[in-house]
């Protein structure tokens, strides 16, 4: 269980660092992105482990990656300015 938590936190941290490296212009501050990645990884592992309750460590890690990626995607800002249509 401890290695599952450490692994999921590490996966969330790696995902957040990758997002910072590739999308730094569309993300808020670095500390918020790193914290969100780790928290999403831990929460995803917890939910997956609670829901499936399997003996293996692979499925909670997959759940950690999915929830961490989803939570990081919520931090993304639009690439350009939002355009207002003339009819609105």
PDB file of N, CA and C in Angstrom:
ATOM      1  N   UNK A   1       0.820  -1.191   0.000  1.00  0.00           N
ATOM      2  CA  UNK A   1       0.000   0.000   0.000  1.00  0.00           C
ATOM      3  C   UNK A   1       0.868   1.261   0.000  1.00  0.00           C
ATOM      4  N   UNK A   2       1.967   1.213   0.722  1.00  0.00           N
ATOM      5  CA  UNK A   2       2.856   2.368   0.771  1.00  0.00           C
ATOM      6  C   UNK A   2       3.512   2.605  -0.587  1.00  0.00           C
ATOM      7  N   UNK A   3       3.949   1.529  -1.236  1.00  0.00           N
ATOM      8  CA  UNK A   3       4.569   1.672  -2.547  1.00  0.00           C
ATOM      9  C   UNK A   3       3.563   2.120  -3.596  1.00  0.00           C
ATOM     10  N   UNK A   4       2.317   1.729  -3.409  1.00  0.00           N
ATOM     11  CA  UNK A   4       1.248   2.174  -4.304  1.00  0.00           C
ATOM     12  C   UNK A   4       1.063   3.687  -4.194  1.00  0.00           C
ATOM     13  N   UNK A   5       1.058   4.193  -2.963  1.00  0.00           N
ATOM     14  CA  UNK A   5       0.897   5.631  -2.747  1.00  0.00           C
ATOM     15  C   UNK A   5       2.111   6.399  -3.268  1.00  0.00           C
ATOM     16  N   UNK A   6       3.295   5.909  -3.003  1.00  0.00           N
ATOM     17  CA  UNK A   6       4.497   6.575  -3.492  1.00  0.00           C
ATOM     18  C   UNK A   6       4.568   6.546  -5.016  1.00  0.00           C
ATOM     19  N   UNK A   7       4.208   5.418  -5.596  1.00  0.00           N
ATOM     20  CA  UNK A   7       4.210   5.303  -7.051  1.00  0.00           C
ATOM     21  C   UNK A   7       3.203   6.227  -7.701  1.00  0.00           C
ATOM     22  N   UNK A   8       2.019   6.315  -7.125  1.00  0.00           N
ATOM     23  CA  UNK A   8       0.998   7.181  -7.707  1.00  0.00           C
ATOM     24  C   UNK A   8       1.377   8.653  -7.551  1.00  0.00           C
ATOM     25  N   UNK A   9       1.986   9.023  -6.429  1.00  0.00           N
ATOM     26  CA  UNK A   9       2.445  10.400  -6.258  1.00  0.00           C
ATOM     27  C   UNK A   9       3.561  10.717  -7.245  1.00  0.00           C
ATOM     28  N   UNK A  10       4.458   9.771  -7.450  1.00  0.00           N
ATOM     29  CA  UNK A  10       5.545   9.971  -8.391  1.00  0.00           C
ATOM     30  C   UNK A  10       5.036  10.072  -9.834  1.00  0.00           C
ATOM     31  N   UNK A  11       4.056   9.237 -10.181  1.00  0.00           N
ATOM     32  CA  UNK A  11       3.470   9.334 -11.518  1.00  0.00           C
ATOM     33  C   UNK A  11       2.775  10.680 -11.731  1.00  0.00           C
ATOM     34  N   UNK A  12       2.058  11.150 -10.728  1.00  0.00           N
ATOM     35  CA  UNK A  12       1.419  12.461 -10.821  1.00  0.00           C
ATOM     36  C   UNK A  12       2.434  13.578 -10.954  1.00  0.00           C
ATOM     37  N   UNK A  13       3.551  13.447 -10.242  1.00  0.00           N
ATOM     38  CA  UNK A  13       4.609  14.453 -10.328  1.00  0.00           C
ATOM     39  C   UNK A  13       5.263  14.454 -11.706  1.00  0.00           C
ATOM     40  N   UNK A  14       5.494  13.275 -12.253  1.00  0.00           N
ATOM     41  CA  UNK A  14       6.084  13.179 -13.597  1.00  0.00           C
ATOM     42  C   UNK A  14       5.124  13.749 -14.643  1.00  0.00           C
ATOM     43  N   UNK A  15       3.851  13.442 -14.505  1.00  0.00           N
ATOM     44  CA  UNK A  15       2.858  13.976 -15.443  1.00  0.00           C
ATOM     45  C   UNK A  15       2.795  15.492 -15.360  1.00  0.00           C
ATOM     46  N   UNK A  16       2.843  16.033 -14.143  1.00  0.00           N
ATOM     47  CA  UNK A  16       2.807  17.485 -13.970  1.00  0.00           C
ATOM     48  C   UNK A  16       4.064  18.140 -14.526  1.00  0.00           C
ATOM     49  N   UNK A  17       5.212  17.527 -14.307  1.00  0.00           N
ATOM     50  CA  UNK A  17       6.458  18.086 -14.841  1.00  0.00           C
ATOM     51  C   UNK A  17       6.464  18.063 -16.364  1.00  0.00           C
ATOM     52  N   UNK A  18       5.913  17.011 -16.936  1.00  0.00           N
ATOM     53  CA  UNK A  18       5.804  16.935 -18.393  1.00  0.00           C
ATOM     54  C   UNK A  18       4.863  18.013 -18.922  1.00  0.00           C
ATOM     55  N   UNK A  19       3.762  18.223 -18.218  1.00  0.00           N
ATOM     56  CA  UNK A  19       2.818  19.260 -18.631  1.00  0.00           C
ATOM     57  C   UNK A  19       3.460  20.645 -18.538  1.00  0.00           C
ATOM     58  N   UNK A  20       4.240  20.880 -17.502  1.00  0.00           N
ATOM     59  CA  UNK A  20       4.925  22.170 -17.360  1.00  0.00           C
ATOM     60  C   UNK A  20       5.920  22.356 -18.494  1.00  0.00           C
ATOM     61  N   UNK A  21       6.629  21.307 -18.817  1.00  0.00           N
ATOM     62  CA  UNK A  21       7.639  21.401 -19.869  1.00  0.00           C
ATOM     63  C   UNK A  21       7.011  21.677 -21.233  1.00  0.00           C
ATOM     64  N   UNK A  22       5.904  21.023 -21.540  1.00  0.00           N
ATOM     65  CA  UNK A  22       5.312  21.141 -22.872  1.00  0.00           C
ATOM     66  C   UNK A  22       4.291  22.268 -22.985  1.00  0.00           C
ATOM     67  N   UNK A  23       3.596  22.595 -21.890  1.00  0.00           N
ATOM     68  CA  UNK A  23       2.496  23.561 -21.965  1.00  0.00           C
ATOM     69  C   UNK A  23       2.637  24.695 -20.954  1.00  0.00           C
ATOM     70  N   UNK A  24       3.841  25.144 -20.689  1.00  0.00           N
ATOM     71  CA  UNK A  24       4.048  26.138 -19.635  1.00  0.00           C
ATOM     72  C   UNK A  24       3.331  27.459 -19.915  1.00  0.00           C
ATOM     73  N   UNK A  25       3.146  27.803 -21.185  1.00  0.00           N
ATOM     74  CA  UNK A  25       2.482  29.053 -21.533  1.00  0.00           C
ATOM     75  C   UNK A  25       0.976  29.007 -21.297  1.00  0.00           C
ATOM     76  N   UNK A  26       0.421  27.826 -21.114  1.00  0.00           N
ATOM     77  CA  UNK A  26      -1.024  27.698 -20.915  1.00  0.00           C
ATOM     78  C   UNK A  26      -1.408  27.280 -19.499  1.00  0.00           C
ATOM     79  N   UNK A  27      -0.434  27.188 -18.599  1.00  0.00           N
ATOM     80  CA  UNK A  27      -0.691  26.726 -17.236  1.00  0.00           C
ATOM     81  C   UNK A  27      -0.421  27.833 -16.232  1.00  0.00           C
ATOM     82  N   UNK A  28      -1.055  27.750 -15.049  1.00  0.00           N
ATOM     83  CA  UNK A  28      -0.755  28.724 -13.987  1.00  0.00           C
ATOM     84  C   UNK A  28       0.612  28.429 -13.362  1.00  0.00           C
ATOM     85  N   UNK A  29       0.852  28.875 -12.178  1.00  0.00           N
ATOM     86  CA  UNK A  29       2.159  28.749 -11.537  1.00  0.00           C
ATOM     87  C   UNK A  29       2.602  27.299 -11.408  1.00  0.00           C
ATOM     88  N   UNK A  30       3.907  27.125 -11.412  1.00  0.00           N
ATOM     89  CA  UNK A  30       4.510  25.795 -11.375  1.00  0.00           C
ATOM     90  C   UNK A  30       4.133  25.029 -10.104  1.00  0.00           C
ATOM     91  N   UNK A  31       4.104  25.697  -8.961  1.00  0.00           N
ATOM     92  CA  UNK A  31       3.794  25.006  -7.704  1.00  0.00           C
ATOM     93  C   UNK A  31       2.360  24.470  -7.688  1.00  0.00           C
ATOM     94  N   UNK A  32       1.436  25.220  -8.272  1.00  0.00           N
ATOM     95  CA  UNK A  32       0.052  24.752  -8.341  1.00  0.00           C
ATOM     96  C   UNK A  32      -0.083  23.538  -9.245  1.00  0.00           C
ATOM     97  N   UNK A  33       0.633  23.545 -10.357  1.00  0.00           N
ATOM     98  CA  UNK A  33       0.567  22.427 -11.293  1.00  0.00           C
ATOM     99  C   UNK A  33       1.171  21.174 -10.668  1.00  0.00           C
ATOM    100  N   UNK A  34       2.306  21.309  -9.999  1.00  0.00           N
ATOM    101  CA  UNK A  34       2.938  20.150  -9.359  1.00  0.00           C
ATOM    102  C   UNK A  34       2.066  19.584  -8.243  1.00  0.00           C
ATOM    103  N   UNK A  35       1.480  20.460  -7.441  1.00  0.00           N
ATOM    104  CA  UNK A  35       0.611  20.000  -6.353  1.00  0.00           C
ATOM    105  C   UNK A  35      -0.643  19.317  -6.893  1.00  0.00           C
ATOM    106  N   UNK A  36      -1.197  19.853  -7.969  1.00  0.00           N
ATOM    107  CA  UNK A  36      -2.380  19.255  -8.574  1.00  0.00           C
ATOM    108  C   UNK A  36      -2.072  17.885  -9.157  1.00  0.00           C
ATOM    109  N   UNK A  37      -0.915  17.742  -9.775  1.00  0.00           N
ATOM    110  CA  UNK A  37      -0.526  16.441 -10.324  1.00  0.00           C
ATOM    111  C   UNK A  37      -0.371  15.384  -9.244  1.00  0.00           C
ATOM    112  N   UNK A  38       0.293  15.734  -8.163  1.00  0.00           N
ATOM    113  CA  UNK A  38       0.493  14.775  -7.065  1.00  0.00           C
ATOM    114  C   UNK A  38      -0.839  14.445  -6.393  1.00  0.00           C
ATOM    115  N   UNK A  39      -1.638  15.467  -6.108  1.00  0.00           N
ATOM    116  CA  UNK A  39      -2.929  15.226  -5.458  1.00  0.00           C
ATOM    117  C   UNK A  39      -3.853  14.409  -6.350  1.00  0.00           C
ATOM    118  N   UNK A  40      -3.850  14.678  -7.642  1.00  0.00           N
ATOM    119  CA  UNK A  40      -4.669  13.894  -8.570  1.00  0.00           C
ATOM    120  C   UNK A  40      -4.217  12.450  -8.632  1.00  0.00           C
ATOM    121  N   UNK A  41      -2.912  12.228  -8.608  1.00  0.00           N
ATOM    122  CA  UNK A  41      -2.397  10.861  -8.601  1.00  0.00           C
ATOM    123  C   UNK A  41      -2.787  10.098  -7.350  1.00  0.00           C
ATOM    124  N   UNK A  42      -2.646  10.737  -6.202  1.00  0.00           N
ATOM    125  CA  UNK A  42      -3.011  10.073  -4.946  1.00  0.00           C
ATOM    126  C   UNK A  42      -4.514   9.799  -4.875  1.00  0.00           C
ATOM    127  N   UNK A  43      -5.309  10.775  -5.294  1.00  0.00           N
ATOM    128  CA  UNK A  43      -6.754  10.589  -5.256  1.00  0.00           C
ATOM    129  C   UNK A  43      -7.202   9.519  -6.248  1.00  0.00           C
ATOM    130  N   UNK A  44      -6.599   9.496  -7.423  1.00  0.00           N
ATOM    131  CA  UNK A  44      -6.947   8.469  -8.412  1.00  0.00           C
ATOM    132  C   UNK A  44      -6.605   7.074  -7.939  1.00  0.00           C
ATOM    133  N   UNK A  45      -5.459   6.921  -7.289  1.00  0.00           N
ATOM    134  CA  UNK A  45      -5.079   5.609  -6.750  1.00  0.00           C
ATOM    135  C   UNK A  45      -6.023   5.198  -5.633  1.00  0.00           C
ATOM    136  N   UNK A  46      -6.396   6.159  -4.791  1.00  0.00           N
ATOM    137  CA  UNK A  46      -7.313   5.847  -3.693  1.00  0.00           C
ATOM    138  C   UNK A  46      -8.676   5.403  -4.207  1.00  0.00           C
ATOM    139  N   UNK A  47      -9.210   6.131  -5.167  1.00  0.00           N
ATOM    140  CA  UNK A  47     -10.533   5.792  -5.702  1.00  0.00           C
ATOM    141  C   UNK A  47     -10.500   4.451  -6.422  1.00  0.00           C
ATOM    142  N   UNK A  48      -9.475   4.228  -7.217  1.00  0.00           N
ATOM    143  CA  UNK A  48      -9.377   2.971  -7.958  1.00  0.00           C
ATOM    144  C   UNK A  48      -9.192   1.793  -7.007  1.00  0.00           C
ATOM    145  N   UNK A  49      -8.350   1.968  -6.005  1.00  0.00           N
ATOM    146  CA  UNK A  49      -8.134   0.893  -5.038  1.00  0.00           C
ATOM    147  C   UNK A  49      -9.405   0.607  -4.235  1.00  0.00           C
ATOM    148  N   UNK A  50     -10.120   1.658  -3.876  1.00  0.00           N
ATOM    149  CA  UNK A  50     -11.357   1.471  -3.113  1.00  0.00           C
ATOM    150  C   UNK A  50     -12.454   0.826  -3.951  1.00  0.00           C
ATOM    151  N   UNK A  51     -12.533   1.200  -5.217  1.00  0.00           N
ATOM    152  CA  UNK A  51     -13.600   0.689  -6.073  1.00  0.00           C
ATOM    153  C   UNK A  51     -13.345  -0.748  -6.503  1.00  0.00           C
ATOM    154  N   UNK A  52     -12.112  -1.050  -6.872  1.00  0.00           N
ATOM    155  CA  UNK A  52     -11.823  -2.377  -7.422  1.00  0.00           C
ATOM    156  C   UNK A  52     -11.301  -3.351  -6.378  1.00  0.00           C
ATOM    157  N   UNK A  53     -10.575  -2.852  -5.390  1.00  0.00           N
ATOM    158  CA  UNK A  53     -10.054  -3.657  -4.280  1.00  0.00           C
ATOM    159  C   UNK A  53      -9.341  -4.911  -4.775  1.00  0.00           C
ATOM    160  N   UNK A  54      -8.471  -4.721  -5.748  1.00  0.00           N
ATOM    161  CA  UNK A  54      -7.704  -5.847  -6.257  1.00  0.00           C
ATOM    162  C   UNK A  54      -6.386  -5.945  -5.513  1.00  0.00           C
ATOM    163  N   UNK A  55      -5.761  -7.093  -5.592  1.00  0.00           N
ATOM    164  CA  UNK A  55      -4.495  -7.286  -4.921  1.00  0.00           C
ATOM    165  C   UNK A  55      -3.328  -6.695  -5.680  1.00  0.00           C
ATOM    166  N   UNK A  56      -3.503  -6.438  -6.962  1.00  0.00           N
ATOM    167  CA  UNK A  56      -2.413  -5.921  -7.780  1.00  0.00           C
ATOM    168  C   UNK A  56      -2.216  -4.429  -7.606  1.00  0.00           C
ATOM    169  N   UNK A  57      -1.068  -3.976  -8.051  1.00  0.00           N
ATOM    170  CA  UNK A  57      -0.756  -2.554  -7.932  1.00  0.00           C
ATOM    171  C   UNK A  57      -0.857  -1.829  -9.265  1.00  0.00           C
ATOM    172  N   UNK A  58      -1.147  -2.561 -10.323  1.00  0.00           N
ATOM    173  CA  UNK A  58      -1.155  -1.934 -11.643  1.00  0.00           C
ATOM    174  C   UNK A  58      -2.416  -1.093 -11.850  1.00  0.00           C
ATOM    175  N   UNK A  59      -3.572  -1.605 -11.502  1.00  0.00           N
ATOM    176  CA  UNK A  59      -4.815  -0.867 -11.738  1.00  0.00           C
ATOM    177  C   UNK A  59      -4.899   0.434 -10.950  1.00  0.00           C
ATOM    178  N   UNK A  60      -4.509   0.469  -9.679  1.00  0.00           N
ATOM    179  CA  UNK A  60      -4.514   1.777  -8.999  1.00  0.00           C
ATOM    180  C   UNK A  60      -3.552   2.786  -9.622  1.00  0.00           C
ATOM    181  N   UNK A  61      -2.443   2.319 -10.171  1.00  0.00           N
ATOM    182  CA  UNK A  61      -1.519   3.234 -10.833  1.00  0.00           C
ATOM    183  C   UNK A  61      -2.110   3.772 -12.135  1.00  0.00           C
ATOM    184  N   UNK A  62      -2.858   2.933 -12.834  1.00  0.00           N
ATOM    185  CA  UNK A  62      -3.544   3.398 -14.044  1.00  0.00           C
ATOM    186  C   UNK A  62      -4.601   4.433 -13.667  1.00  0.00           C
ATOM    187  N   UNK A  63      -5.335   4.166 -12.600  1.00  0.00           N
ATOM    188  CA  UNK A  63      -6.319   5.136 -12.117  1.00  0.00           C
ATOM    189  C   UNK A  63      -5.663   6.435 -11.684  1.00  0.00           C
ATOM    190  N   UNK A  64      -4.472   6.343 -11.096  1.00  0.00           N
ATOM    191  CA  UNK A  64      -3.743   7.536 -10.683  1.00  0.00           C
ATOM    192  C   UNK A  64      -3.362   8.385 -11.882  1.00  0.00           C
ATOM    193  N   UNK A  65      -2.914   7.740 -12.948  1.00  0.00           N
ATOM    194  CA  UNK A  65      -2.529   8.481 -14.152  1.00  0.00           C
ATOM    195  C   UNK A  65      -3.748   9.145 -14.785  1.00  0.00           C
ATOM    196  N   UNK A  66      -4.857   8.432 -14.830  1.00  0.00           N
ATOM    197  CA  UNK A  66      -6.061   8.979 -15.461  1.00  0.00           C
ATOM    198  C   UNK A  66      -6.588  10.190 -14.702  1.00  0.00           C
ATOM    199  N   UNK A  67      -6.708  10.067 -13.381  1.00  0.00           N
ATOM    200  CA  UNK A  67      -7.254  11.179 -12.591  1.00  0.00           C
ATOM    201  C   UNK A  67      -6.274  12.351 -12.548  1.00  0.00           C
ATOM    202  N   UNK A  68      -4.995  12.053 -12.493  1.00  0.00           N
ATOM    203  CA  UNK A  68      -3.998  13.125 -12.493  1.00  0.00           C
ATOM    204  C   UNK A  68      -4.023  13.891 -13.810  1.00  0.00           C
ATOM    205  N   UNK A  69      -4.120  13.189 -14.919  1.00  0.00           N
ATOM    206  CA  UNK A  69      -4.204  13.857 -16.223  1.00  0.00           C
ATOM    207  C   UNK A  69      -5.488  14.674 -16.340  1.00  0.00           C
ATOM    208  N   UNK A  70      -6.575  14.137 -15.826  1.00  0.00           N
ATOM    209  CA  UNK A  70      -7.845  14.867 -15.886  1.00  0.00           C
ATOM    210  C   UNK A  70      -7.788  16.129 -15.028  1.00  0.00           C
ATOM    211  N   UNK A  71      -7.203  16.035 -13.852  1.00  0.00           N
ATOM    212  CA  UNK A  71      -7.129  17.221 -12.993  1.00  0.00           C
ATOM    213  C   UNK A  71      -6.162  18.257 -13.555  1.00  0.00           C
ATOM    214  N   UNK A  72      -5.093  17.818 -14.193  1.00  0.00           N
ATOM    215  CA  UNK A  72      -4.185  18.772 -14.831  1.00  0.00           C
ATOM    216  C   UNK A  72      -4.832  19.442 -16.037  1.00  0.00           C
ATOM    217  N   UNK A  73      -5.683  18.723 -16.727  1.00  0.00           N
ATOM    218  CA  UNK A  73      -6.337  19.323 -17.890  1.00  0.00           C
ATOM    219  C   UNK A  73      -7.303  20.432 -17.479  1.00  0.00           C
ATOM    220  N   UNK A  74      -7.778  20.395 -16.259  1.00  0.00           N
ATOM    221  CA  UNK A  74      -8.668  21.452 -15.786  1.00  0.00           C
ATOM    222  C   UNK A  74      -7.938  22.763 -15.554  1.00  0.00           C
ATOM    223  N   UNK A  75      -6.617  22.714 -15.457  1.00  0.00           N
ATOM    224  CA  UNK A  75      -5.834  23.930 -15.226  1.00  0.00           C
ATOM    225  C   UNK A  75      -5.469  24.662 -16.515  1.00  0.00           C
ATOM    226  N   UNK A  76      -5.650  24.020 -17.654  1.00  0.00           N
ATOM    227  CA  UNK A  76      -5.246  24.616 -18.931  1.00  0.00           C
ATOM    228  C   UNK A  76      -6.084  25.833 -19.271  1.00  0.00           C
ATOM    229  N   UNK A  77      -5.401  26.848 -19.760  1.00  0.00           N
ATOM    230  CA  UNK A  77      -6.070  28.056 -20.244  1.00  0.00           C
ATOM    231  C   UNK A  77      -6.130  27.999 -21.767  1.00  0.00           C
ATOM    232  N   UNK A  78      -7.025  28.749 -22.381  1.00  0.00           N
ATOM    233  CA  UNK A  78      -7.087  28.760 -23.848  1.00  0.00           C
ATOM    234  C   UNK A  78      -5.772  29.239 -24.450  1.00  0.00           C
ATOM    235  N   UNK A  79      -5.470  28.749 -25.642  1.00  0.00           N
ATOM    236  CA  UNK A  79      -4.200  29.091 -26.283  1.00  0.00           C
ATOM    237  C   UNK A  79      -4.160  30.553 -26.725  1.00  0.00           C
ATOM    238  N   UNK A  80      -5.249  31.052 -27.230  1.00  0.00           N
ATOM    239  CA  UNK A  80      -5.280  32.434 -27.708  1.00  0.00           C
ATOM    240  C   UNK A  80      -6.405  33.180 -27.023  1.00  0.00           C
ATOM    241  N   UNK A  81      -6.647  34.355 -27.524  1.00  0.00           N
ATOM    242  CA  UNK A  81      -7.759  35.119 -26.979  1.00  0.00           C
ATOM    243  C   UNK A  81      -9.080  34.507 -27.405  1.00  0.00           C
ATOM    244  N   UNK A  82     -10.046  34.634 -26.550  1.00  0.00           N
ATOM    245  CA  UNK A  82     -11.383  34.174 -26.896  1.00  0.00           C
ATOM    246  C   UNK A  82     -12.015  35.194 -27.835  1.00  0.00           C
ATOM    247  N   UNK A  83     -12.582  34.714 -28.898  1.00  0.00           N
ATOM    248  CA  UNK A  83     -13.211  35.595 -29.877  1.00  0.00           C
ATOM    249  C   UNK A  83     -14.703  35.700 -29.583  1.00  0.00           C
ATOM    250  N   UNK A  84     -15.191  36.883 -29.675  1.00  0.00           N
ATOM    251  CA  UNK A  84     -16.627  37.088 -29.512  1.00  0.00           C
ATOM    252  C   UNK A  84     -17.246  37.139 -30.887  1.00  0.00           C
ATOM    253  N   UNK A  85     -18.347  36.455 -31.016  1.00  0.00           N
ATOM    254  CA  UNK A  85     -19.009  36.480 -32.323  1.00  0.00           C
ATOM    255  C   UNK A  85     -19.820  37.769 -32.459  1.00  0.00           C
ATOM    256  N   UNK A  86     -20.044  38.162 -33.677  1.00  0.00           N
ATOM    257  CA  UNK A  86     -20.773  39.404 -33.923  1.00  0.00           C
ATOM    258  C   UNK A  86     -22.251  39.256 -33.614  1.00  0.00           C
ATOM    259  N   UNK A  87     -22.758  38.026 -33.577  1.00  0.00           N
ATOM    260  CA  UNK A  87     -24.180  37.824 -33.339  1.00  0.00           C
ATOM    261  C   UNK A  87     -24.511  37.766 -31.855  1.00  0.00           C
ATOM    262  N   UNK A  88     -23.538  37.606 -31.007  1.00  0.00           N
ATOM    263  CA  UNK A  88     -23.832  37.451 -29.573  1.00  0.00           C
ATOM    264  C   UNK A  88     -24.051  38.738 -28.886  1.00  0.00           C
TER     265      UNK A  88
END
